[in-house]
Amino acid sequence: MTEYGGESGGGESSDDAAGSHAGTESDANDANDADDPGPRLRRAATADEPLLGGWLSVPHPMVAELLAGSGFDFLCVDAEHAPVSFETMANLLRAVDAAPGGTETLVRVGGHDPVELKRTMDLDPDALLVPMVDTAEEAEAIVDATRYPPAGSRGVGLGRATDYGRDLDGYVASADDRFARFVQIESEEAVENVADIAAVDGVDGVFVGPVDLSTSMGLLGAWDDERFQDAVDRVLSVADDEGVAVGTLATDAESRRTRLAEWGVDYLAAGVDATYLEEGARRTLSECADALKER
């Protein structure tokens, strides 16, 4: 629940977070901030620098709070593949808000179910990431489910987003300006339809799901294959033409370099919490092994 136009729930400046990337956009974007007081994720397509995020698969608030305090621009709560209940999701969002800095929250939901979308929105993330969107019709249904009437069909509830009813009128009136909608491009059908998907009113960005996309093409993990690269190039070109943000996930140094420097994405989930943990453990054991050789 980022407080737009003021400090985030943590209250401290993002400059206090060591190595912080959050909040470091240049002054040239101040005018954009004034025009659109919503989350920076919504303005990713026009930002001077890509937004850098992390991926939360460990469903514990301590991990979320720790990574939020490390300086990421955003953290993505994975409710598609990780064991995340709505109660856990709420606590993960609270943990990110409690950390110092301006880290925003992105939730990858499990699917297109309007009830799941509604319940997730009631918890007040800064953005939604919806998987497996293959057609413009699916994208339109997602937008409809996340907009209040008369523009959509989202039901009104007294959840966290409305400050438990204390800001009901204000939230309902401004909800569509307070978050971003991203859809995942993860199949050959989605790549074929990406221009129509990106053109849907209410879609703020697309997200290349590299593993599922390559798998759908029979090319699991073959990032250098020409067919996979052509598919990615099409998504990147369409996103640029439509003026929407394009993002993706990268879990190692080389893919981070490629997807930032060569793909030129607007927002990047630059690794997964479980991978950070495993890599740190392996590095520690390797350092110990090197030290033991000196005994």
Protein backbone atom coordinates (compact mmCIF):
# COMPACT_ATOMS: atom_id res chain seq x y z
CA MET A 1 0.00 0.00 0.00
CA THR A 2 2.30 2.72 -1.29
CA GLU A 3 1.11 6.18 -0.34
CA TYR A 4 1.33 8.05 -3.63
CA GLY A 5 2.31 11.66 -3.34
CA GLY A 6 4.08 10.95 -0.02
CA GLU A 7 6.34 8.47 1.69
CA SER A 8 5.75 4.75 1.58
CA GLY A 9 4.66 2.77 4.61
CA GLY A 10 8.25 2.43 5.81
CA GLY A 11 8.57 6.18 6.28
CA GLU A 12 12.33 6.35 5.57
CA SER A 13 13.91 7.77 2.45
CA SER A 14 14.98 5.21 -0.14
CA ASP A 15 18.46 6.74 0.03
CA ASP A 16 18.83 5.08 3.45
CA ALA A 17 18.78 1.60 1.91
CA ALA A 18 22.29 0.40 1.09
CA GLY A 19 22.75 0.15 -2.67
CA SER A 20 19.18 1.32 -3.17
CA HIS A 21 17.86 1.50 -6.70
CA ALA A 22 14.34 2.39 -5.58
CA GLY A 23 13.55 6.04 -6.00
CA THR A 24 16.62 6.87 -8.11
CA GLU A 25 14.82 8.00 -11.27
CA SER A 26 16.10 11.31 -12.55
CA ASP A 27 14.49 14.69 -12.04
CA ALA A 28 13.35 14.51 -15.65
CA ASN A 29 10.61 12.17 -14.51
CA ASP A 30 9.23 14.55 -11.87
CA ALA A 31 6.75 15.96 -14.35
CA ASN A 32 5.54 12.44 -15.12
CA ASP A 33 5.10 11.86 -11.39
CA ALA A 34 2.89 14.93 -11.15
CA ASP A 35 0.80 13.85 -14.15
CA ASP A 36 0.46 10.27 -12.88
CA PRO A 37 0.70 9.94 -9.09
CA GLY A 38 0.27 6.17 -9.29
CA PRO A 39 3.04 3.59 -8.91
CA ARG A 40 6.32 3.91 -10.78
CA LEU A 41 5.61 0.50 -12.30
CA ARG A 42 2.81 2.16 -14.26
CA ARG A 43 5.30 4.63 -15.72
CA ALA A 44 8.00 2.06 -16.48
CA ALA A 45 7.69 2.55 -20.24
CA THR A 46 8.73 6.21 -19.96
CA ALA A 47 11.27 5.99 -17.13
CA ASP A 48 14.88 6.95 -17.80
CA GLU A 49 16.13 3.71 -16.27
CA PRO A 50 14.58 0.24 -16.02
CA LEU A 51 12.96 -0.70 -12.74
CA LEU A 52 14.77 -3.52 -10.95
CA GLY A 53 12.85 -6.00 -8.87
CA GLY A 54 13.11 -9.26 -7.00
CA TRP A 55 10.88 -12.34 -6.99
CA LEU A 56 9.32 -13.66 -3.80
CA SER A 57 8.78 -17.43 -3.76
CA VAL A 58 9.52 -17.98 -0.06
CA PRO A 59 6.20 -17.16 1.62
CA HIS A 60 7.54 -15.50 4.75
CA PRO A 61 7.26 -11.79 5.66
CA MET A 62 10.85 -11.69 6.95
CA VAL A 63 12.18 -12.46 3.46
CA ALA A 64 9.91 -9.85 1.91
CA GLU A 65 10.91 -7.18 4.41
CA LEU A 66 14.61 -8.03 4.08
CA LEU A 67 14.63 -7.79 0.30
CA ALA A 68 12.49 -4.65 0.29
CA GLY A 69 15.09 -3.00 2.51
CA SER A 70 17.84 -3.96 0.04
CA GLY A 71 16.80 -1.30 -2.46
CA PHE A 72 14.72 -3.05 -5.11
CA ASP A 73 12.26 -0.89 -7.03
CA PHE A 74 9.63 -3.60 -6.71
CA LEU A 75 9.10 -7.10 -5.39
CA CYS A 76 6.87 -9.64 -7.10
CA VAL A 77 4.84 -11.95 -4.88
CA ASP A 78 4.43 -15.20 -6.81
CA ALA A 79 0.96 -16.54 -6.11
CA GLU A 80 0.97 -18.75 -9.21
CA HIS A 81 3.71 -21.26 -8.38
CA ALA A 82 4.60 -20.49 -4.75
CA PRO A 83 2.49 -21.69 -1.77
CA VAL A 84 0.95 -18.27 -1.11
CA SER A 85 -2.51 -18.00 0.47
CA PHE A 86 -4.43 -14.71 0.56
CA GLU A 87 -3.57 -14.34 4.25
CA THR A 88 0.12 -14.88 3.50
CA MET A 89 -0.07 -12.49 0.55
CA ALA A 90 -1.48 -9.78 2.81
CA ASN A 91 1.37 -10.24 5.27
CA LEU A 92 3.99 -10.17 2.50
CA LEU A 93 2.56 -6.88 1.21
CA ARG A 94 2.56 -5.44 4.73
CA ALA A 95 6.19 -6.52 5.17
CA VAL A 96 7.29 -4.74 2.00
CA ASP A 97 5.44 -1.59 3.06
CA ALA A 98 7.09 -1.72 6.49
CA ALA A 99 10.61 -1.76 5.04
CA PRO A 100 12.62 1.43 4.48
CA GLY A 101 12.54 2.79 0.96
CA GLY A 102 9.97 3.04 -1.79
CA THR A 103 9.80 -0.59 -2.92
CA GLU A 104 6.54 -1.28 -4.75
CA THR A 105 4.55 -4.50 -4.80
CA LEU A 106 3.63 -6.60 -7.81
CA VAL A 107 1.51 -9.74 -7.36
CA ARG A 108 1.54 -12.50 -9.92
CA VAL A 109 -1.86 -14.09 -9.50
CA GLY A 110 -2.59 -17.72 -10.20
CA GLY A 111 -4.86 -17.18 -13.19
CA HIS A 112 -7.70 -15.17 -14.69
CA ASP A 113 -10.42 -15.96 -12.14
CA PRO A 114 -12.32 -12.68 -11.45
CA VAL A 115 -12.77 -13.65 -7.79
CA GLU A 116 -9.03 -14.16 -7.33
CA LEU A 117 -8.33 -10.88 -9.10
CA LYS A 118 -10.85 -9.05 -6.91
CA ARG A 119 -9.52 -10.51 -3.66
CA THR A 120 -5.96 -9.70 -4.65
CA MET A 121 -6.87 -6.11 -5.53
CA ASP A 122 -8.57 -5.73 -2.15
CA LEU A 123 -5.14 -6.28 -0.56
CA ASP A 124 -3.85 -3.18 -2.40
CA PRO A 125 -0.73 -4.23 -4.33
CA ASP A 126 0.78 -1.63 -6.62
CA ALA A 127 0.46 -3.86 -9.67
CA LEU A 128 -0.94 -7.14 -10.94
CA LEU A 129 0.85 -9.62 -13.19
CA VAL A 130 -1.55 -12.05 -14.86
CA PRO A 131 -0.11 -15.24 -16.40
CA MET A 132 -0.93 -17.03 -19.65
CA VAL A 133 -2.75 -14.24 -21.48
CA ASP A 134 -3.06 -15.43 -25.07
CA THR A 135 -5.69 -13.15 -26.63
CA ALA A 136 -7.01 -9.60 -26.50
CA GLU A 137 -10.32 -11.00 -25.28
CA GLU A 138 -8.62 -12.49 -22.22
CA ALA A 139 -6.85 -9.18 -21.57
CA GLU A 140 -10.15 -7.30 -21.84
CA ALA A 141 -11.77 -9.67 -19.34
CA ILE A 142 -8.92 -9.09 -16.89
CA VAL A 143 -9.29 -5.32 -17.18
CA ASP A 144 -13.05 -5.62 -16.72
CA ALA A 145 -12.62 -7.71 -13.56
CA THR A 146 -10.27 -5.13 -12.05
CA ARG A 147 -12.33 -2.00 -12.77
CA TYR A 148 -15.32 -0.86 -10.75
CA PRO A 149 -18.66 -0.27 -12.49
CA PRO A 150 -19.64 1.28 -14.77
CA ALA A 151 -16.25 0.72 -16.47
CA GLY A 152 -15.96 -2.86 -15.22
CA SER A 153 -17.43 -5.51 -12.95
CA ARG A 154 -15.19 -5.49 -9.85
CA GLY A 155 -17.16 -5.83 -6.63
CA VAL A 156 -16.71 -3.34 -3.82
CA GLY A 157 -15.30 -4.63 -0.53
CA LEU A 158 -14.00 -3.20 2.74
CA GLY A 159 -10.48 -4.57 2.52
CA ARG A 160 -7.02 -3.19 2.96
CA ALA A 161 -7.23 -1.14 -0.25
CA THR A 162 -10.05 1.01 1.15
CA ASP A 163 -8.37 1.31 4.56
CA TYR A 164 -11.05 -1.12 5.76
CA GLY A 165 -13.83 1.18 4.64
CA ARG A 166 -12.42 4.42 6.01
CA ASP A 167 -11.47 5.55 2.49
CA LEU A 168 -14.15 3.69 0.57
CA ASP A 169 -15.40 6.61 -1.54
CA GLY A 170 -11.93 7.93 -2.28
CA TYR A 171 -10.52 4.54 -3.22
CA VAL A 172 -13.40 3.55 -5.50
CA ALA A 173 -13.15 6.92 -7.28
CA SER A 174 -9.38 6.66 -7.83
CA ALA A 175 -8.69 2.92 -7.90
CA ASP A 176 -7.90 2.72 -11.60
CA ASP A 177 -5.14 5.31 -11.17
CA ARG A 178 -3.54 3.54 -8.20
CA PHE A 179 -2.15 0.37 -9.76
CA ALA A 180 -0.73 -1.16 -12.92
CA ARG A 181 -1.90 -4.17 -14.91
CA PHE A 182 0.69 -6.37 -16.60
CA VAL A 183 -0.04 -9.49 -18.64
CA GLN A 184 2.34 -12.34 -19.37
CA ILE A 185 3.21 -13.40 -22.91
CA GLU A 186 4.05 -17.08 -22.55
CA SER A 187 2.97 -18.90 -25.70
CA GLU A 188 3.29 -18.75 -29.47
CA GLU A 189 -0.39 -17.79 -29.62
CA ALA A 190 0.26 -14.87 -27.29
CA VAL A 191 3.22 -13.71 -29.40
CA GLU A 192 1.02 -13.86 -32.50
CA ASN A 193 -1.67 -11.78 -30.76
CA VAL A 194 0.62 -9.48 -28.79
CA ALA A 195 -0.25 -6.34 -30.78
CA ASP A 196 -3.94 -6.74 -29.99
CA ILE A 197 -3.20 -7.62 -26.36
CA ALA A 198 -0.94 -4.59 -25.82
CA ALA A 199 -3.54 -2.31 -27.40
CA VAL A 200 -6.24 -3.19 -24.86
CA ASP A 201 -7.21 -0.14 -22.79
CA GLY A 202 -6.10 -0.74 -19.21
CA VAL A 203 -3.11 -2.95 -20.03
CA ASP A 204 -0.05 -1.04 -18.80
CA GLY A 205 2.57 -3.54 -19.85
CA VAL A 206 3.50 -7.01 -21.02
CA PHE A 207 5.89 -9.49 -19.45
CA VAL A 208 7.84 -12.08 -21.40
CA GLY A 209 7.68 -15.37 -19.49
CA PRO A 210 10.89 -16.85 -20.91
CA VAL A 211 10.59 -20.37 -19.53
CA ASP A 212 6.98 -20.99 -20.52
CA LEU A 213 7.41 -19.22 -23.85
CA SER A 214 10.46 -21.28 -24.80
CA THR A 215 8.74 -24.45 -23.59
CA SER A 216 5.64 -23.74 -25.70
CA MET A 217 7.96 -23.55 -28.70
CA GLY A 218 9.70 -26.84 -27.86
CA LEU A 219 12.83 -24.88 -26.94
CA LEU A 220 13.01 -25.06 -23.14
CA GLY A 221 15.82 -22.76 -22.02
CA ALA A 222 17.23 -22.32 -25.54
CA TRP A 223 17.58 -18.56 -25.19
CA ASP A 224 19.90 -18.25 -28.20
CA ASP A 225 17.62 -20.12 -30.62
CA GLU A 226 16.61 -17.89 -33.52
CA ARG A 227 12.91 -18.72 -33.19
CA PHE A 228 12.90 -17.74 -29.53
CA GLN A 229 14.81 -14.54 -30.21
CA ASP A 230 12.42 -13.64 -33.04
CA ALA A 231 9.46 -14.12 -30.68
CA VAL A 232 11.04 -11.88 -28.06
CA ASP A 233 11.90 -9.27 -30.68
CA ARG A 234 8.28 -9.17 -31.78
CA VAL A 235 7.08 -8.57 -28.21
CA LEU A 236 9.68 -5.84 -27.68
CA SER A 237 8.79 -4.11 -30.96
CA VAL A 238 5.04 -4.20 -30.32
CA ALA A 239 5.44 -2.89 -26.76
CA ASP A 240 7.47 0.03 -28.09
CA ASP A 241 4.90 0.75 -30.79
CA GLU A 242 2.01 0.67 -28.31
CA GLY A 243 3.84 2.66 -25.65
CA VAL A 244 3.44 0.00 -22.98
CA ALA A 245 6.12 -1.35 -20.68
CA VAL A 246 7.82 -4.67 -21.33
CA GLY A 247 9.42 -6.73 -18.59
CA THR A 248 10.78 -10.17 -17.87
CA LEU A 249 12.59 -12.34 -15.33
CA ALA A 250 16.32 -13.11 -15.22
CA THR A 251 17.90 -15.49 -12.72
CA ASP A 252 21.63 -15.31 -13.46
CA ALA A 253 24.23 -12.71 -14.35
CA GLU A 254 24.30 -13.44 -18.08
CA SER A 255 20.54 -13.35 -18.54
CA ARG A 256 20.38 -10.13 -16.50
CA ARG A 257 22.99 -8.59 -18.80
CA THR A 258 21.24 -9.78 -21.97
CA ARG A 259 17.76 -8.73 -20.94
CA LEU A 260 18.83 -5.30 -19.68
CA ALA A 261 21.47 -4.39 -22.28
CA GLU A 262 20.20 -6.19 -25.39
CA TRP A 263 16.48 -6.66 -24.91
CA GLY A 264 16.20 -3.24 -23.28
CA VAL A 265 13.35 -4.15 -20.95
CA ASP A 266 11.58 -1.48 -18.91
CA TYR A 267 11.29 -3.57 -15.74
CA LEU A 268 13.22 -6.66 -14.70
CA ALA A 269 12.71 -9.17 -11.94
CA ALA A 270 16.42 -9.67 -11.37
CA GLY A 271 16.37 -12.98 -9.54
CA VAL A 272 14.44 -15.14 -7.09
CA ASP A 273 14.72 -15.13 -3.30
CA ALA A 274 15.29 -18.90 -3.10
CA THR A 275 18.09 -18.60 -5.65
CA TYR A 276 19.72 -15.77 -3.69
CA LEU A 277 19.64 -18.03 -0.62
CA GLU A 278 21.04 -21.05 -2.42
CA GLU A 279 23.79 -19.06 -4.15
CA GLY A 280 24.80 -17.45 -0.86
CA ALA A 281 24.99 -20.84 0.83
CA ARG A 282 27.13 -22.31 -1.96
CA ARG A 283 29.43 -19.28 -1.91
CA THR A 284 29.87 -19.61 1.86
CA LEU A 285 30.74 -23.30 1.61
CA SER A 286 33.18 -22.59 -1.22
CA GLU A 287 34.90 -19.89 0.83
CA CYS A 288 35.18 -22.27 3.76
CA ALA A 289 36.65 -24.96 1.52
CA ASP A 290 39.25 -22.50 0.23
CA ALA A 291 40.12 -21.49 3.79
CA LEU A 292 40.57 -25.11 4.85
CA LYS A 293 43.14 -25.62 2.11
CA GLU A 294 45.36 -23.11 3.93
CA ARG A 295 45.40 -25.08 7.19
